[in-house]
PDB file of N, CA and C in Angstrom:
ATOM      1  N   UNK A   1      93.216 126.812  90.631  1.00  0.00           N
ATOM      2  CA  UNK A   1      94.062 126.436  91.751  1.00  0.00           C
ATOM      3  C   UNK A   1      93.410 125.290  92.592  1.00  0.00           C
ATOM      4  N   UNK A   2      92.083 125.368  92.782  1.00  0.00           N
ATOM      5  CA  UNK A   2      91.354 124.368  93.590  1.00  0.00           C
ATOM      6  C   UNK A   2      91.305 123.025  92.894  1.00  0.00           C
ATOM      7  N   UNK A   3      90.941 123.020  91.614  1.00  0.00           N
ATOM      8  CA  UNK A   3      90.802 121.714  90.956  1.00  0.00           C
ATOM      9  C   UNK A   3      92.130 120.966  90.779  1.00  0.00           C
ATOM     10  N   UNK A   4      93.210 121.660  90.372  1.00  0.00           N
ATOM     11  CA  UNK A   4      94.451 120.912  90.277  1.00  0.00           C
ATOM     12  C   UNK A   4      94.943 120.378  91.661  1.00  0.00           C
ATOM     13  N   UNK A   5      94.685 121.106  92.738  1.00  0.00           N
ATOM     14  CA  UNK A   5      95.053 120.648  94.060  1.00  0.00           C
ATOM     15  C   UNK A   5      94.285 119.406  94.468  1.00  0.00           C
ATOM     16  N   UNK A   6      92.979 119.413  94.155  1.00  0.00           N
ATOM     17  CA  UNK A   6      92.154 118.208  94.429  1.00  0.00           C
ATOM     18  C   UNK A   6      92.627 117.009  93.645  1.00  0.00           C
ATOM     19  N   UNK A   7      92.842 117.247  92.383  1.00  0.00           N
ATOM     20  CA  UNK A   7      93.289 116.133  91.541  1.00  0.00           C
ATOM     21  C   UNK A   7      94.670 115.613  91.978  1.00  0.00           C
ATOM     22  N   UNK A   8      95.563 116.502  92.381  1.00  0.00           N
ATOM     23  CA  UNK A   8      96.867 116.115  92.921  1.00  0.00           C
ATOM     24  C   UNK A   8      96.692 115.238  94.164  1.00  0.00           C
ATOM     25  N   UNK A   9      95.676 115.532  94.950  1.00  0.00           N
ATOM     26  CA  UNK A   9      95.395 114.787  96.173  1.00  0.00           C
ATOM     27  C   UNK A   9      94.663 113.486  95.940  1.00  0.00           C
ATOM     28  N   UNK A  10      94.356 113.143  94.670  1.00  0.00           N
ATOM     29  CA  UNK A  10      93.700 111.903  94.372  1.00  0.00           C
ATOM     30  C   UNK A  10      92.192 111.940  94.312  1.00  0.00           C
ATOM     31  N   UNK A  11      91.629 113.124  94.287  1.00  0.00           N
ATOM     32  CA  UNK A  11      90.162 113.291  94.248  1.00  0.00           C
ATOM     33  C   UNK A  11      89.662 113.370  92.815  1.00  0.00           C
ATOM     34  N   UNK A  12      88.464 112.784  92.574  1.00  0.00           N
ATOM     35  CA  UNK A  12      87.798 113.050  91.297  1.00  0.00           C
ATOM     36  C   UNK A  12      86.878 114.221  91.589  1.00  0.00           C
ATOM     37  N   UNK A  13      86.771 115.096  90.585  1.00  0.00           N
ATOM     38  CA  UNK A  13      85.985 116.324  90.802  1.00  0.00           C
ATOM     39  C   UNK A  13      84.914 116.525  89.732  1.00  0.00           C
ATOM     40  N   UNK A  14      83.864 117.171  90.158  1.00  0.00           N
ATOM     41  CA  UNK A  14      82.819 117.627  89.241  1.00  0.00           C
ATOM     42  C   UNK A  14      82.566 119.105  89.626  1.00  0.00           C
ATOM     43  N   UNK A  15      82.320 119.911  88.621  1.00  0.00           N
ATOM     44  CA  UNK A  15      82.100 121.345  88.821  1.00  0.00           C
ATOM     45  C   UNK A  15      80.571 121.645  88.712  1.00  0.00           C
ATOM     46  N   UNK A  16      80.161 122.626  89.465  1.00  0.00           N
ATOM     47  CA  UNK A  16      78.790 123.148  89.429  1.00  0.00           C
ATOM     48  C   UNK A  16      77.770 122.032  89.468  1.00  0.00           C
ATOM     49  N   UNK A  17      77.724 121.345  90.608  1.00  0.00           N
ATOM     50  CA  UNK A  17      76.816 120.217  90.809  1.00  0.00           C
ATOM     51  C   UNK A  17      75.610 120.592  91.586  1.00  0.00           C
ATOM     52  N   UNK A  18      74.433 120.239  91.040  1.00  0.00           N
ATOM     53  CA  UNK A  18      73.166 120.461  91.701  1.00  0.00           C
ATOM     54  C   UNK A  18      73.007 119.342  92.773  1.00  0.00           C
ATOM     55  N   UNK A  19      72.876 119.702  94.050  1.00  0.00           N
ATOM     56  CA  UNK A  19      72.806 118.742  95.119  1.00  0.00           C
ATOM     57  C   UNK A  19      71.464 118.684  95.827  1.00  0.00           C
ATOM     58  N   UNK A  20      70.495 119.428  95.357  1.00  0.00           N
ATOM     59  CA  UNK A  20      69.180 119.456  95.991  1.00  0.00           C
ATOM     60  C   UNK A  20      68.646 120.860  96.127  1.00  0.00           C
ATOM     61  N   UNK A  21      67.804 121.052  97.122  1.00  0.00           N
ATOM     62  CA  UNK A  21      67.204 122.394  97.408  1.00  0.00           C
ATOM     63  C   UNK A  21      67.996 123.119  98.433  1.00  0.00           C
ATOM     64  N   UNK A  22      68.010 124.429  98.339  1.00  0.00           N
ATOM     65  CA  UNK A  22      68.652 125.308  99.275  1.00  0.00           C
ATOM     66  C   UNK A  22      67.639 125.815 100.248  1.00  0.00           C
ATOM     67  N   UNK A  23      67.539 125.185 101.362  1.00  0.00           N
ATOM     68  CA  UNK A  23      66.558 125.539 102.382  1.00  0.00           C
ATOM     69  C   UNK A  23      65.200 125.886 101.852  1.00  0.00           C
ATOM     70  N   UNK A  24      64.727 125.050 100.895  1.00  0.00           N
ATOM     71  CA  UNK A  24      63.396 125.186 100.363  1.00  0.00           C
ATOM     72  C   UNK A  24      63.177 126.339  99.385  1.00  0.00           C
ATOM     73  N   UNK A  25      64.263 127.014  98.965  1.00  0.00           N
ATOM     74  CA  UNK A  25      64.042 128.200  98.124  1.00  0.00           C
ATOM     75  C   UNK A  25      64.834 128.133  96.875  1.00  0.00           C
ATOM     76  N   UNK A  26      64.929 126.944  96.241  1.00  0.00           N
ATOM     77  CA  UNK A  26      65.582 126.908  94.966  1.00  0.00           C
ATOM     78  C   UNK A  26      66.730 125.871  94.915  1.00  0.00           C
ATOM     79  N   UNK A  27      67.342 125.775  93.768  1.00  0.00           N
ATOM     80  CA  UNK A  27      68.405 124.819  93.574  1.00  0.00           C
ATOM     81  C   UNK A  27      69.673 125.166  94.394  1.00  0.00           C
ATOM     82  N   UNK A  28      70.264 124.159  94.979  1.00  0.00           N
ATOM     83  CA  UNK A  28      71.523 124.324  95.668  1.00  0.00           C
ATOM     84  C   UNK A  28      72.591 123.703  94.767  1.00  0.00           C
ATOM     85  N   UNK A  29      73.440 124.560  94.191  1.00  0.00           N
ATOM     86  CA  UNK A  29      74.528 124.172  93.329  1.00  0.00           C
ATOM     87  C   UNK A  29      75.817 124.484  94.055  1.00  0.00           C
ATOM     88  N   UNK A  30      76.632 123.461  94.202  1.00  0.00           N
ATOM     89  CA  UNK A  30      77.989 123.697  94.809  1.00  0.00           C
ATOM     90  C   UNK A  30      78.997 123.864  93.690  1.00  0.00           C
ATOM     91  N   UNK A  31      80.068 124.592  94.023  1.00  0.00           N
ATOM     92  CA  UNK A  31      81.117 124.834  92.991  1.00  0.00           C
ATOM     93  C   UNK A  31      81.851 123.560  92.611  1.00  0.00           C
ATOM     94  N   UNK A  32      82.144 122.736  93.626  1.00  0.00           N
ATOM     95  CA  UNK A  32      82.898 121.500  93.395  1.00  0.00           C
ATOM     96  C   UNK A  32      82.349 120.358  94.256  1.00  0.00           C
ATOM     97  N   UNK A  33      82.219 119.218  93.670  1.00  0.00           N
ATOM     98  CA  UNK A  33      81.964 117.935  94.412  1.00  0.00           C
ATOM     99  C   UNK A  33      83.200 117.111  94.220  1.00  0.00           C
ATOM    100  N   UNK A  34      83.866 116.834  95.303  1.00  0.00           N
ATOM    101  CA  UNK A  34      85.131 116.025  95.234  1.00  0.00           C
ATOM    102  C   UNK A  34      84.827 114.650  95.870  1.00  0.00           C
ATOM    103  N   UNK A  35      85.460 113.613  95.307  1.00  0.00           N
ATOM    104  CA  UNK A  35      85.212 112.284  95.832  1.00  0.00           C
ATOM    105  C   UNK A  35      86.556 111.475  95.852  1.00  0.00           C
ATOM    106  N   UNK A  36      86.690 110.760  97.006  1.00  0.00           N
ATOM    107  CA  UNK A  36      87.887 109.939  97.184  1.00  0.00           C
ATOM    108  C   UNK A  36      87.541 108.864  98.213  1.00  0.00           C
ATOM    109  N   UNK A  37      87.919 107.634  97.936  1.00  0.00           N
ATOM    110  CA  UNK A  37      87.666 106.540  98.886  1.00  0.00           C
ATOM    111  C   UNK A  37      86.223 106.440  99.318  1.00  0.00           C
ATOM    112  N   UNK A  38      85.331 106.635  98.368  1.00  0.00           N
ATOM    113  CA  UNK A  38      83.871 106.533  98.571  1.00  0.00           C
ATOM    114  C   UNK A  38      83.302 107.621  99.497  1.00  0.00           C
ATOM    115  N   UNK A  39      84.095 108.649  99.724  1.00  0.00           N
ATOM    116  CA  UNK A  39      83.593 109.809 100.521  1.00  0.00           C
ATOM    117  C   UNK A  39      83.483 111.006  99.621  1.00  0.00           C
ATOM    118  N   UNK A  40      82.344 111.710  99.747  1.00  0.00           N
ATOM    119  CA  UNK A  40      82.076 112.883  98.893  1.00  0.00           C
ATOM    120  C   UNK A  40      82.122 114.152  99.736  1.00  0.00           C
ATOM    121  N   UNK A  41      82.758 115.156  99.173  1.00  0.00           N
ATOM    122  CA  UNK A  41      82.998 116.463  99.850  1.00  0.00           C
ATOM    123  C   UNK A  41      82.421 117.555  98.992  1.00  0.00           C
ATOM    124  N   UNK A  42      81.717 118.483  99.674  1.00  0.00           N
ATOM    125  CA  UNK A  42      81.230 119.676  99.024  1.00  0.00           C
ATOM    126  C   UNK A  42      82.208 120.812  99.190  1.00  0.00           C
ATOM    127  N   UNK A  43      82.368 121.580  98.137  1.00  0.00           N
ATOM    128  CA  UNK A  43      83.276 122.729  98.156  1.00  0.00           C
ATOM    129  C   UNK A  43      82.536 123.933  97.588  1.00  0.00           C
ATOM    130  N   UNK A  44      82.399 124.977  98.405  1.00  0.00           N
ATOM    131  CA  UNK A  44      81.821 126.208  97.950  1.00  0.00           C
ATOM    132  C   UNK A  44      82.889 127.305  98.052  1.00  0.00           C
ATOM    133  N   UNK A  45      82.981 128.113  97.006  1.00  0.00           N
ATOM    134  CA  UNK A  45      84.028 129.100  96.889  1.00  0.00           C
ATOM    135  C   UNK A  45      83.445 130.503  96.979  1.00  0.00           C
ATOM    136  N   UNK A  46      84.010 131.324  97.855  1.00  0.00           N
ATOM    137  CA  UNK A  46      83.598 132.741  97.909  1.00  0.00           C
ATOM    138  C   UNK A  46      84.845 133.612  97.761  1.00  0.00           C
ATOM    139  N   UNK A  47      84.709 134.612  96.875  1.00  0.00           N
ATOM    140  CA  UNK A  47      85.862 135.483  96.588  1.00  0.00           C
ATOM    141  C   UNK A  47      85.429 136.907  96.977  1.00  0.00           C
ATOM    142  N   UNK A  48      86.292 137.590  97.703  1.00  0.00           N
ATOM    143  CA  UNK A  48      85.985 138.960  98.129  1.00  0.00           C
ATOM    144  C   UNK A  48      87.214 139.816  97.821  1.00  0.00           C
ATOM    145  N   UNK A  49      87.152 140.506  96.698  1.00  0.00           N
ATOM    146  CA  UNK A  49      88.314 141.356  96.297  1.00  0.00           C
ATOM    147  C   UNK A  49      88.346 142.662  97.092  1.00  0.00           C
ATOM    148  N   UNK A  50      87.176 143.257  97.263  1.00  0.00           N
ATOM    149  CA  UNK A  50      87.069 144.500  98.068  1.00  0.00           C
ATOM    150  C   UNK A  50      85.861 144.275  98.991  1.00  0.00           C
ATOM    151  N   UNK A  51      85.725 145.196  99.938  1.00  0.00           N
ATOM    152  CA  UNK A  51      84.603 145.080 100.907  1.00  0.00           C
ATOM    153  C   UNK A  51      83.286 145.014 100.119  1.00  0.00           C
ATOM    154  N   UNK A  52      82.371 144.214 100.678  1.00  0.00           N
ATOM    155  CA  UNK A  52      81.114 144.032  99.965  1.00  0.00           C
ATOM    156  C   UNK A  52      80.183 143.081 100.716  1.00  0.00           C
ATOM    157  N   UNK A  53      79.272 142.503  99.937  1.00  0.00           N
ATOM    158  CA  UNK A  53      78.187 141.660 100.521  1.00  0.00           C
ATOM    159  C   UNK A  53      78.531 140.182 100.664  1.00  0.00           C
ATOM    160  N   UNK A  54      79.691 139.754 100.130  1.00  0.00           N
ATOM    161  CA  UNK A  54      80.029 138.306 100.233  1.00  0.00           C
ATOM    162  C   UNK A  54      79.997 137.857 101.684  1.00  0.00           C
ATOM    163  N   UNK A  55      80.488 138.745 102.593  1.00  0.00           N
ATOM    164  CA  UNK A  55      80.568 138.371 104.009  1.00  0.00           C
ATOM    165  C   UNK A  55      79.194 138.124 104.589  1.00  0.00           C
ATOM    166  N   UNK A  56      78.206 138.827 104.150  1.00  0.00           N
ATOM    167  CA  UNK A  56      76.829 138.638 104.638  1.00  0.00           C
ATOM    168  C   UNK A  56      76.232 137.340 104.186  1.00  0.00           C
ATOM    169  N   UNK A  57      76.743 136.764 103.106  1.00  0.00           N
ATOM    170  CA  UNK A  57      76.255 135.487 102.550  1.00  0.00           C
ATOM    171  C   UNK A  57      76.882 134.289 103.242  1.00  0.00           C
ATOM    172  N   UNK A  58      77.944 134.449 103.934  1.00  0.00           N
ATOM    173  CA  UNK A  58      78.656 133.312 104.563  1.00  0.00           C
ATOM    174  C   UNK A  58      77.791 132.536 105.515  1.00  0.00           C
ATOM    175  N   UNK A  59      77.133 133.135 106.478  1.00  0.00           N
ATOM    176  CA  UNK A  59      76.326 132.326 107.412  1.00  0.00           C
ATOM    177  C   UNK A  59      75.237 131.476 106.711  1.00  0.00           C
ATOM    178  N   UNK A  60      74.587 132.057 105.753  1.00  0.00           N
ATOM    179  CA  UNK A  60      73.527 131.345 105.033  1.00  0.00           C
ATOM    180  C   UNK A  60      74.153 130.161 104.276  1.00  0.00           C
ATOM    181  N   UNK A  61      75.266 130.423 103.652  1.00  0.00           N
ATOM    182  CA  UNK A  61      75.952 129.359 102.887  1.00  0.00           C
ATOM    183  C   UNK A  61      76.386 128.180 103.801  1.00  0.00           C
ATOM    184  N   UNK A  62      76.897 128.516 104.991  1.00  0.00           N
ATOM    185  CA  UNK A  62      77.274 127.479 105.930  1.00  0.00           C
ATOM    186  C   UNK A  62      76.076 126.684 106.413  1.00  0.00           C
ATOM    187  N   UNK A  63      74.952 127.352 106.632  1.00  0.00           N
ATOM    188  CA  UNK A  63      73.777 126.615 107.089  1.00  0.00           C
ATOM    189  C   UNK A  63      73.310 125.691 105.968  1.00  0.00           C
ATOM    190  N   UNK A  64      73.296 126.140 104.710  1.00  0.00           N
ATOM    191  CA  UNK A  64      72.860 125.297 103.602  1.00  0.00           C
ATOM    192  C   UNK A  64      73.830 124.143 103.385  1.00  0.00           C
ATOM    193  N   UNK A  65      75.115 124.372 103.473  1.00  0.00           N
ATOM    194  CA  UNK A  65      76.070 123.277 103.334  1.00  0.00           C
ATOM    195  C   UNK A  65      75.911 122.271 104.500  1.00  0.00           C
ATOM    196  N   UNK A  66      75.788 122.761 105.683  1.00  0.00           N
ATOM    197  CA  UNK A  66      75.591 121.884 106.817  1.00  0.00           C
ATOM    198  C   UNK A  66      74.384 120.991 106.693  1.00  0.00           C
ATOM    199  N   UNK A  67      73.258 121.561 106.215  1.00  0.00           N
ATOM    200  CA  UNK A  67      72.073 120.771 106.013  1.00  0.00           C
ATOM    201  C   UNK A  67      72.306 119.697 104.942  1.00  0.00           C
ATOM    202  N   UNK A  68      73.015 120.034 103.877  1.00  0.00           N
ATOM    203  CA  UNK A  68      73.323 119.068 102.845  1.00  0.00           C
ATOM    204  C   UNK A  68      74.160 117.907 103.391  1.00  0.00           C
ATOM    205  N   UNK A  69      75.173 118.245 104.173  1.00  0.00           N
ATOM    206  CA  UNK A  69      76.012 117.192 104.782  1.00  0.00           C
ATOM    207  C   UNK A  69      75.167 116.286 105.683  1.00  0.00           C
ATOM    208  N   UNK A  70      74.398 116.879 106.553  1.00  0.00           N
ATOM    209  CA  UNK A  70      73.592 116.108 107.499  1.00  0.00           C
ATOM    210  C   UNK A  70      72.468 115.276 106.799  1.00  0.00           C
ATOM    211  N   UNK A  71      71.779 115.876 105.871  1.00  0.00           N
ATOM    212  CA  UNK A  71      70.673 115.197 105.261  1.00  0.00           C
ATOM    213  C   UNK A  71      71.016 114.279 104.104  1.00  0.00           C
ATOM    214  N   UNK A  72      72.123 114.512 103.432  1.00  0.00           N
ATOM    215  CA  UNK A  72      72.424 113.741 102.222  1.00  0.00           C
ATOM    216  C   UNK A  72      73.674 112.848 102.334  1.00  0.00           C
ATOM    217  N   UNK A  73      74.270 112.851 103.498  1.00  0.00           N
ATOM    218  CA  UNK A  73      75.357 111.914 103.714  1.00  0.00           C
ATOM    219  C   UNK A  73      76.726 112.236 103.145  1.00  0.00           C
ATOM    220  N   UNK A  74      76.934 113.513 102.875  1.00  0.00           N
ATOM    221  CA  UNK A  74      78.300 113.907 102.427  1.00  0.00           C
ATOM    222  C   UNK A  74      79.237 113.794 103.634  1.00  0.00           C
ATOM    223  N   UNK A  75      80.492 113.579 103.364  1.00  0.00           N
ATOM    224  CA  UNK A  75      81.470 113.428 104.442  1.00  0.00           C
ATOM    225  C   UNK A  75      81.717 114.762 105.149  1.00  0.00           C
ATOM    226  N   UNK A  76      81.772 115.857 104.414  1.00  0.00           N
ATOM    227  CA  UNK A  76      82.056 117.163 104.986  1.00  0.00           C
ATOM    228  C   UNK A  76      81.869 118.181 103.868  1.00  0.00           C
ATOM    229  N   UNK A  77      81.766 119.448 104.286  1.00  0.00           N
ATOM    230  CA  UNK A  77      81.680 120.533 103.318  1.00  0.00           C
ATOM    231  C   UNK A  77      82.782 121.549 103.698  1.00  0.00           C
ATOM    232  N   UNK A  78      83.251 122.254 102.684  1.00  0.00           N
ATOM    233  CA  UNK A  78      84.208 123.297 102.879  1.00  0.00           C
ATOM    234  C   UNK A  78      83.721 124.557 102.223  1.00  0.00           C
ATOM    235  N   UNK A  79      83.837 125.640 102.989  1.00  0.00           N
ATOM    236  CA  UNK A  79      83.555 126.960 102.427  1.00  0.00           C
ATOM    237  C   UNK A  79      84.940 127.654 102.356  1.00  0.00           C
ATOM    238  N   UNK A  80      85.384 127.910 101.164  1.00  0.00           N
ATOM    239  CA  UNK A  80      86.695 128.436 100.912  1.00  0.00           C
ATOM    240  C   UNK A  80      86.629 129.932 100.636  1.00  0.00           C
ATOM    241  N   UNK A  81      87.324 130.713 101.486  1.00  0.00           N
ATOM    242  CA  UNK A  81      87.297 132.149 101.360  1.00  0.00           C
ATOM    243  C   UNK A  81      88.579 132.650 100.734  1.00  0.00           C
ATOM    244  N   UNK A  82      88.479 133.246  99.554  1.00  0.00           N
ATOM    245  CA  UNK A  82      89.650 133.807  98.866  1.00  0.00           C
ATOM    246  C   UNK A  82      89.514 135.302  98.690  1.00  0.00           C
ATOM    247  N   UNK A  83      90.645 135.895  98.377  1.00  0.00           N
ATOM    248  CA  UNK A  83      90.659 137.338  98.094  1.00  0.00           C
ATOM    249  C   UNK A  83      91.089 138.150  99.341  1.00  0.00           C
ATOM    250  N   UNK A  84      91.432 139.378  99.115  1.00  0.00           N
ATOM    251  CA  UNK A  84      91.920 140.232 100.216  1.00  0.00           C
ATOM    252  C   UNK A  84      90.865 141.184 100.824  1.00  0.00           C
ATOM    253  N   UNK A  85      89.639 141.128 100.344  1.00  0.00           N
ATOM    254  CA  UNK A  85      88.646 142.105 100.772  1.00  0.00           C
ATOM    255  C   UNK A  85      87.838 141.732 102.013  1.00  0.00           C
ATOM    256  N   UNK A  86      88.187 140.649 102.671  1.00  0.00           N
ATOM    257  CA  UNK A  86      87.410 140.195 103.850  1.00  0.00           C
ATOM    258  C   UNK A  86      87.785 140.972 105.075  1.00  0.00           C
ATOM    259  N   UNK A  87      86.763 141.504 105.792  1.00  0.00           N
ATOM    260  CA  UNK A  87      87.013 142.090 107.102  1.00  0.00           C
ATOM    261  C   UNK A  87      86.729 141.065 108.185  1.00  0.00           C
ATOM    262  N   UNK A  88      85.927 140.081 107.887  1.00  0.00           N
ATOM    263  CA  UNK A  88      85.526 139.074 108.883  1.00  0.00           C
ATOM    264  C   UNK A  88      86.159 137.686 108.640  1.00  0.00           C
ATOM    265  N   UNK A  89      87.145 137.624 107.729  1.00  0.00           N
ATOM    266  CA  UNK A  89      87.715 136.338 107.415  1.00  0.00           C
ATOM    267  C   UNK A  89      88.273 135.636 108.682  1.00  0.00           C
ATOM    268  N   UNK A  90      89.022 136.379 109.500  1.00  0.00           N
ATOM    269  CA  UNK A  90      89.565 135.805 110.708  1.00  0.00           C
ATOM    270  C   UNK A  90      88.481 135.239 111.607  1.00  0.00           C
ATOM    271  N   UNK A  91      87.375 135.965 111.742  1.00  0.00           N
ATOM    272  CA  UNK A  91      86.248 135.540 112.576  1.00  0.00           C
ATOM    273  C   UNK A  91      85.660 134.214 112.039  1.00  0.00           C
ATOM    274  N   UNK A  92      85.443 134.153 110.718  1.00  0.00           N
ATOM    275  CA  UNK A  92      84.878 132.970 110.102  1.00  0.00           C
ATOM    276  C   UNK A  92      85.839 131.777 110.191  1.00  0.00           C
ATOM    277  N   UNK A  93      87.095 131.968 109.816  1.00  0.00           N
ATOM    278  CA  UNK A  93      88.070 130.897 109.784  1.00  0.00           C
ATOM    279  C   UNK A  93      88.409 130.355 111.177  1.00  0.00           C
ATOM    280  N   UNK A  94      88.374 131.283 112.151  1.00  0.00           N
ATOM    281  CA  UNK A  94      88.682 130.825 113.549  1.00  0.00           C
ATOM    282  C   UNK A  94      87.465 130.260 114.287  1.00  0.00           C
ATOM    283  N   UNK A  95      86.391 130.025 113.591  1.00  0.00           N
ATOM    284  CA  UNK A  95      85.278 129.311 114.207  1.00  0.00           C
ATOM    285  C   UNK A  95      84.227 130.252 114.875  1.00  0.00           C
ATOM    286  N   UNK A  96      84.206 131.497 114.504  1.00  0.00           N
ATOM    287  CA  UNK A  96      83.270 132.441 115.089  1.00  0.00           C
ATOM    288  C   UNK A  96      81.796 132.097 114.946  1.00  0.00           C
ATOM    289  N   UNK A  97      81.467 131.378 113.920  1.00  0.00           N
ATOM    290  CA  UNK A  97      80.059 131.004 113.696  1.00  0.00           C
ATOM    291  C   UNK A  97      79.682 129.719 114.399  1.00  0.00           C
ATOM    292  N   UNK A  98      80.624 128.986 114.884  1.00  0.00           N
ATOM    293  CA  UNK A  98      80.394 127.660 115.476  1.00  0.00           C
ATOM    294  C   UNK A  98      79.315 127.652 116.514  1.00  0.00           C
ATOM    295  N   UNK A  99      79.350 128.606 117.428  1.00  0.00           N
ATOM    296  CA  UNK A  99      78.367 128.596 118.543  1.00  0.00           C
ATOM    297  C   UNK A  99      76.958 128.856 118.057  1.00  0.00           C
ATOM    298  N   UNK A 100      76.789 129.305 116.837  1.00  0.00           N
ATOM    299  CA  UNK A 100      75.482 129.577 116.297  1.00  0.00           C
ATOM    300  C   UNK A 100      74.903 128.469 115.441  1.00  0.00           C
ATOM    301  N   UNK A 101      75.672 127.356 115.283  1.00  0.00           N
ATOM    302  CA  UNK A 101      75.290 126.276 114.414  1.00  0.00           C
ATOM    303  C   UNK A 101      74.967 125.014 115.182  1.00  0.00           C
ATOM    304  N   UNK A 102      74.101 124.194 114.633  1.00  0.00           N
ATOM    305  CA  UNK A 102      73.706 122.967 115.362  1.00  0.00           C
ATOM    306  C   UNK A 102      74.751 121.875 115.101  1.00  0.00           C
ATOM    307  N   UNK A 103      75.406 121.870 113.970  1.00  0.00           N
ATOM    308  CA  UNK A 103      76.464 120.858 113.665  1.00  0.00           C
ATOM    309  C   UNK A 103      77.657 121.543 113.068  1.00  0.00           C
ATOM    310  N   UNK A 104      78.418 122.272 113.902  1.00  0.00           N
ATOM    311  CA  UNK A 104      79.542 123.055 113.352  1.00  0.00           C
ATOM    312  C   UNK A 104      80.635 122.162 112.714  1.00  0.00           C
ATOM    313  N   UNK A 105      80.712 120.925 113.057  1.00  0.00           N
ATOM    314  CA  UNK A 105      81.759 120.041 112.504  1.00  0.00           C
ATOM    315  C   UNK A 105      81.438 119.671 111.060  1.00  0.00           C
ATOM    316  N   UNK A 106      80.269 119.896 110.568  1.00  0.00           N
ATOM    317  CA  UNK A 106      79.872 119.488 109.241  1.00  0.00           C
ATOM    318  C   UNK A 106      80.479 120.372 108.142  1.00  0.00           C
ATOM    319  N   UNK A 107      80.822 121.611 108.483  1.00  0.00           N
ATOM    320  CA  UNK A 107      81.361 122.591 107.518  1.00  0.00           C
ATOM    321  C   UNK A 107      82.630 123.212 108.120  1.00  0.00           C
ATOM    322  N   UNK A 108      83.697 123.207 107.308  1.00  0.00           N
ATOM    323  CA  UNK A 108      84.885 123.926 107.685  1.00  0.00           C
ATOM    324  C   UNK A 108      85.000 125.198 106.848  1.00  0.00           C
ATOM    325  N   UNK A 109      85.190 126.288 107.476  1.00  0.00           N
ATOM    326  CA  UNK A 109      85.436 127.534 106.737  1.00  0.00           C
ATOM    327  C   UNK A 109      86.981 127.773 106.711  1.00  0.00           C
ATOM    328  N   UNK A 110      87.527 127.831 105.580  1.00  0.00           N
ATOM    329  CA  UNK A 110      88.980 127.848 105.440  1.00  0.00           C
ATOM    330  C   UNK A 110      89.434 128.883 104.419  1.00  0.00           C
ATOM    331  N   UNK A 111      90.715 129.327 104.541  1.00  0.00           N
ATOM    332  CA  UNK A 111      91.255 130.229 103.505  1.00  0.00           C
ATOM    333  C   UNK A 111      91.570 129.405 102.255  1.00  0.00           C
ATOM    334  N   UNK A 112      91.736 130.088 101.167  1.00  0.00           N
ATOM    335  CA  UNK A 112      92.118 129.443  99.952  1.00  0.00           C
ATOM    336  C   UNK A 112      93.420 128.653 100.092  1.00  0.00           C
ATOM    337  N   UNK A 113      94.406 129.307 100.701  1.00  0.00           N
ATOM    338  CA  UNK A 113      95.715 128.639 100.875  1.00  0.00           C
ATOM    339  C   UNK A 113      95.614 127.383 101.739  1.00  0.00           C
ATOM    340  N   UNK A 114      94.827 127.447 102.817  1.00  0.00           N
ATOM    341  CA  UNK A 114      94.663 126.291 103.642  1.00  0.00           C
ATOM    342  C   UNK A 114      93.965 125.138 102.976  1.00  0.00           C
ATOM    343  N   UNK A 115      92.976 125.442 102.155  1.00  0.00           N
ATOM    344  CA  UNK A 115      92.276 124.397 101.418  1.00  0.00           C
ATOM    345  C   UNK A 115      93.183 123.750 100.407  1.00  0.00           C
ATOM    346  N   UNK A 116      93.944 124.553  99.658  1.00  0.00           N
ATOM    347  CA  UNK A 116      94.846 124.006  98.621  1.00  0.00           C
ATOM    348  C   UNK A 116      95.845 123.075  99.269  1.00  0.00           C
ATOM    349  N   UNK A 117      96.344 123.412 100.461  1.00  0.00           N
ATOM    350  CA  UNK A 117      97.313 122.576 101.140  1.00  0.00           C
ATOM    351  C   UNK A 117      96.681 121.265 101.564  1.00  0.00           C
ATOM    352  N   UNK A 118      95.491 121.290 102.101  1.00  0.00           N
ATOM    353  CA  UNK A 118      94.745 120.054 102.487  1.00  0.00           C
ATOM    354  C   UNK A 118      94.454 119.214 101.260  1.00  0.00           C
ATOM    355  N   UNK A 119      93.933 119.801 100.199  1.00  0.00           N
ATOM    356  CA  UNK A 119      93.559 119.102  99.001  1.00  0.00           C
ATOM    357  C   UNK A 119      94.778 118.427  98.345  1.00  0.00           C
ATOM    358  N   UNK A 120      95.879 119.187  98.244  1.00  0.00           N
ATOM    359  CA  UNK A 120      97.107 118.616  97.648  1.00  0.00           C
ATOM    360  C   UNK A 120      97.573 117.386  98.350  1.00  0.00           C
ATOM    361  N   UNK A 121      97.429 117.321  99.611  1.00  0.00           N
ATOM    362  CA  UNK A 121      97.851 116.178 100.424  1.00  0.00           C
ATOM    363  C   UNK A 121      96.836 115.076 100.537  1.00  0.00           C
ATOM    364  N   UNK A 122      95.660 115.303  99.954  1.00  0.00           N
ATOM    365  CA  UNK A 122      94.574 114.308  99.996  1.00  0.00           C
ATOM    366  C   UNK A 122      94.013 114.168 101.424  1.00  0.00           C
ATOM    367  N   UNK A 123      93.955 115.258 102.146  1.00  0.00           N
ATOM    368  CA  UNK A 123      93.595 115.239 103.580  1.00  0.00           C
ATOM    369  C   UNK A 123      92.325 115.989 103.892  1.00  0.00           C
ATOM    370  N   UNK A 124      91.362 115.951 102.962  1.00  0.00           N
ATOM    371  CA  UNK A 124      90.086 116.627 103.293  1.00  0.00           C
ATOM    372  C   UNK A 124      89.390 115.855 104.393  1.00  0.00           C
TER     373      UNK A 124
END
């Protein structure tokens, strides 16, 4: 669903791209690197079918994506939350982490549906 939406919006896409180190503890691989008009966007996908640990990984992922945007010149990063098992999805999508981040504008946390709509329109 993600890749066809990006392609419909005029983006070129690469899957599973190594973009550097993840806060000094290993390779940082993003699910999708999208590019359009000389701007590059990082896309990380998290799926939560039932309650579990994916929610605990969100803040760390946002910090890593934000660092990549700031340090490597990407236009923006998106953390896409899919599935019905999220208890904190509203908190994340509504900007609950923003006050804890140094550059909250670098990463947008969005629902799968919201991301697909943006990507389809070429409006990342």
